[in-house]
Amino acid sequence: MQSTTRGIGCHALVALSLCVAALWVCACGSKQTKTEAIQQYSEELRQEVSGKVTDEQRKAQMLSIVDRLQALHRRFGQETAAFVDSYRKLNVDYEAPRSAFDQLFADYRAKRIQARHEALDLHFELAALASADEWRAIGKAETKLYEQVSAARPDAEHK
């Protein structure tokens, strides 16, 4: 009787493992790429600006900032992908000197810092154009854009 119980437990464990694996594959398969997240959540930010800002001149300025923010996210995603690709190439080269790695990381760090400064500038430009009432919705949409882009998987992993 004990071996039957053990056999059932083993089968249940295998079935449970297969279910967990299937759910994991489904969850990973449905996760957006960075490009998809940038597009979707930039559009949501654009909709919040369009829906909340009634002054046409401010709205046009804010939508221009949203476009620049979207372009910044795309550019930084491309820079990050290029960094990862360069790192992989260096990593497989047994003869690659440490100075090549140091330079690669220094270059990427400079790009990251530049992107951070640009993002902050765009944030404050957007906030300065919005009223306090408008900012409640627009600020939430901007935060969601950053959260979703950060959580999205790199485009290369989706292929």
Protein backbone atom coordinates (compact mmCIF):
# COMPACT_ATOMS: atom_id res chain seq x y z
CA MET A 1 0.00 0.00 0.00
CA GLN A 2 2.83 2.35 0.79
CA SER A 3 4.40 1.96 -2.67
CA THR A 4 1.02 2.76 -4.28
CA THR A 5 0.75 5.96 -2.27
CA ARG A 6 4.31 6.85 -3.17
CA GLY A 7 3.56 6.14 -6.85
CA ILE A 8 0.47 8.36 -6.78
CA GLY A 9 2.42 11.09 -5.03
CA CYS A 10 5.16 10.86 -7.65
CA HIS A 11 2.61 11.09 -10.47
CA ALA A 12 0.92 14.04 -8.77
CA LEU A 13 4.27 15.77 -8.42
CA VAL A 14 5.05 15.21 -12.11
CA ALA A 15 1.59 16.49 -13.10
CA LEU A 16 1.99 19.53 -10.85
CA SER A 17 5.43 20.21 -12.32
CA LEU A 18 4.01 20.03 -15.84
CA CYS A 19 1.20 22.45 -14.93
CA VAL A 20 3.66 24.91 -13.39
CA ALA A 21 5.89 24.65 -16.45
CA ALA A 22 2.94 25.21 -18.78
CA LEU A 23 1.81 28.27 -16.82
CA TRP A 24 5.34 29.64 -16.79
CA VAL A 25 5.67 29.22 -20.57
CA CYS A 26 2.30 30.90 -21.11
CA ALA A 27 3.19 33.78 -18.80
CA CYS A 28 6.54 34.30 -20.48
CA GLY A 29 5.02 34.07 -23.91
CA SER A 30 2.46 36.76 -23.18
CA LYS A 31 4.88 39.27 -21.69
CA GLN A 32 5.44 42.29 -23.89
CA THR A 33 8.70 43.20 -25.51
CA LYS A 34 10.22 46.58 -24.74
CA THR A 35 9.15 47.92 -28.13
CA GLU A 36 5.56 46.79 -27.59
CA ALA A 37 5.48 48.25 -24.08
CA ILE A 38 6.94 51.56 -25.24
CA GLN A 39 4.32 51.80 -27.98
CA GLN A 40 1.35 50.83 -25.81
CA TYR A 41 2.14 52.89 -22.73
CA SER A 42 3.32 55.93 -24.70
CA GLU A 43 -0.05 55.82 -26.41
CA GLU A 44 -1.79 55.64 -23.02
CA LEU A 45 0.22 58.67 -21.86
CA ARG A 46 -0.70 60.45 -25.09
CA GLN A 47 -4.39 59.67 -24.46
CA GLU A 48 -4.22 61.07 -20.92
CA VAL A 49 -2.67 64.29 -22.21
CA SER A 50 -5.24 64.55 -25.01
CA GLY A 51 -8.13 63.84 -22.67
CA LYS A 52 -7.12 66.00 -19.72
CA VAL A 53 -5.52 69.09 -21.30
CA THR A 54 -8.03 71.44 -22.89
CA ASP A 55 -5.66 74.25 -23.88
CA GLU A 56 -4.60 73.35 -27.44
CA GLN A 57 -1.19 75.05 -27.26
CA ARG A 58 -0.17 73.30 -24.03
CA LYS A 59 -1.60 70.03 -25.30
CA ALA A 60 0.51 70.25 -28.47
CA GLN A 61 3.63 71.00 -26.42
CA MET A 62 2.92 68.09 -24.07
CA LEU A 63 2.26 65.66 -26.92
CA SER A 64 5.59 66.70 -28.43
CA ILE A 65 7.26 65.85 -25.11
CA VAL A 66 5.51 62.46 -25.09
CA ASP A 67 6.92 61.82 -28.58
CA ARG A 68 10.41 62.74 -27.37
CA LEU A 69 9.97 60.50 -24.33
CA GLN A 70 8.93 57.61 -26.57
CA ALA A 71 11.96 58.20 -28.82
CA LEU A 72 14.22 58.28 -25.75
CA HIS A 73 12.89 54.91 -24.56
CA ARG A 74 13.41 53.41 -28.01
CA ARG A 75 16.94 54.79 -28.33
CA PHE A 76 17.97 53.62 -24.88
CA GLY A 77 16.53 50.17 -25.60
CA GLN A 78 18.64 49.98 -28.75
CA GLU A 79 21.72 51.18 -26.86
CA THR A 80 21.16 48.55 -24.20
CA ALA A 81 20.73 45.80 -26.80
CA ALA A 82 23.94 46.93 -28.50
CA PHE A 83 25.75 46.89 -25.15
CA VAL A 84 24.58 43.33 -24.42
CA ASP A 85 25.58 42.20 -27.91
CA SER A 86 29.04 43.77 -27.54
CA TYR A 87 29.44 42.22 -24.11
CA ARG A 88 28.58 38.77 -25.47
CA LYS A 89 31.13 39.17 -28.25
CA LEU A 90 33.84 40.26 -25.84
CA ASN A 91 32.97 37.56 -23.37
CA VAL A 92 33.55 34.73 -25.84
CA ASP A 93 36.91 36.20 -26.89
CA TYR A 94 39.40 34.55 -24.57
CA GLU A 95 42.04 37.09 -25.60
CA ALA A 96 39.88 40.17 -24.88
CA PRO A 97 41.73 42.46 -22.47
CA ARG A 98 40.16 43.90 -19.37
CA SER A 99 40.55 47.38 -20.87
CA ALA A 100 38.05 46.44 -23.61
CA PHE A 101 35.48 45.48 -20.96
CA ASP A 102 36.23 48.62 -18.95
CA GLN A 103 35.71 50.77 -22.06
CA LEU A 104 32.48 48.97 -22.98
CA PHE A 105 31.05 49.48 -19.50
CA ALA A 106 32.23 53.11 -19.34
CA ASP A 107 30.61 53.90 -22.68
CA TYR A 108 27.33 52.27 -21.66
CA ARG A 109 27.38 54.03 -18.29
CA ALA A 110 27.76 57.40 -20.06
CA LYS A 111 24.80 56.59 -22.33
CA ARG A 112 22.72 55.51 -19.34
CA ILE A 113 23.50 58.70 -17.44
CA GLN A 114 22.68 60.81 -20.51
CA ALA A 115 19.35 58.99 -20.96
CA ARG A 116 18.54 59.50 -17.26
CA HIS A 117 19.19 63.25 -17.55
CA GLU A 118 17.06 63.46 -20.69
CA ALA A 119 14.23 61.54 -19.00
CA LEU A 120 14.29 63.87 -16.00
CA ASP A 121 14.31 66.94 -18.24
CA LEU A 122 11.32 65.61 -20.17
CA HIS A 123 9.50 64.75 -16.94
CA PHE A 124 9.90 68.25 -15.58
CA GLU A 125 8.96 69.85 -18.91
CA LEU A 126 5.78 67.79 -18.96
CA ALA A 127 4.96 68.54 -15.33
CA ALA A 128 5.59 72.26 -15.78
CA LEU A 129 3.02 72.42 -18.58
CA ALA A 130 0.33 70.54 -16.65
CA SER A 131 -1.97 71.90 -13.98
CA ALA A 132 -2.18 70.03 -10.68
CA ASP A 133 -5.50 68.45 -11.73
CA GLU A 134 -4.14 67.40 -15.12
CA TRP A 135 -0.96 66.03 -13.57
CA ARG A 136 -2.77 63.48 -11.40
CA ALA A 137 -3.73 61.40 -14.44
CA ILE A 138 -0.75 62.31 -16.61
CA GLY A 139 1.77 61.57 -13.84
CA LYS A 140 0.19 58.16 -13.24
CA ALA A 141 0.36 57.36 -16.95
CA GLU A 142 4.01 58.44 -17.08
CA THR A 143 4.83 56.22 -14.09
CA LYS A 144 3.03 53.30 -15.71
CA LEU A 145 5.07 53.82 -18.89
CA TYR A 146 8.34 53.54 -16.94
CA GLU A 147 7.13 50.55 -14.92
CA GLN A 148 5.90 48.60 -17.92
CA VAL A 149 8.95 49.32 -20.07
CA SER A 150 11.21 48.25 -17.19
CA ALA A 151 9.23 45.04 -16.71
CA ALA A 152 9.11 44.18 -20.41
CA ARG A 153 11.50 41.68 -21.86
CA PRO A 154 14.18 42.76 -24.32
CA ASP A 155 13.10 42.58 -27.95
CA ALA A 156 15.82 40.05 -28.80
CA GLU A 157 14.37 37.51 -26.34
CA HIS A 158 10.99 37.60 -28.07
CA LYS A 159 12.32 36.28 -31.38
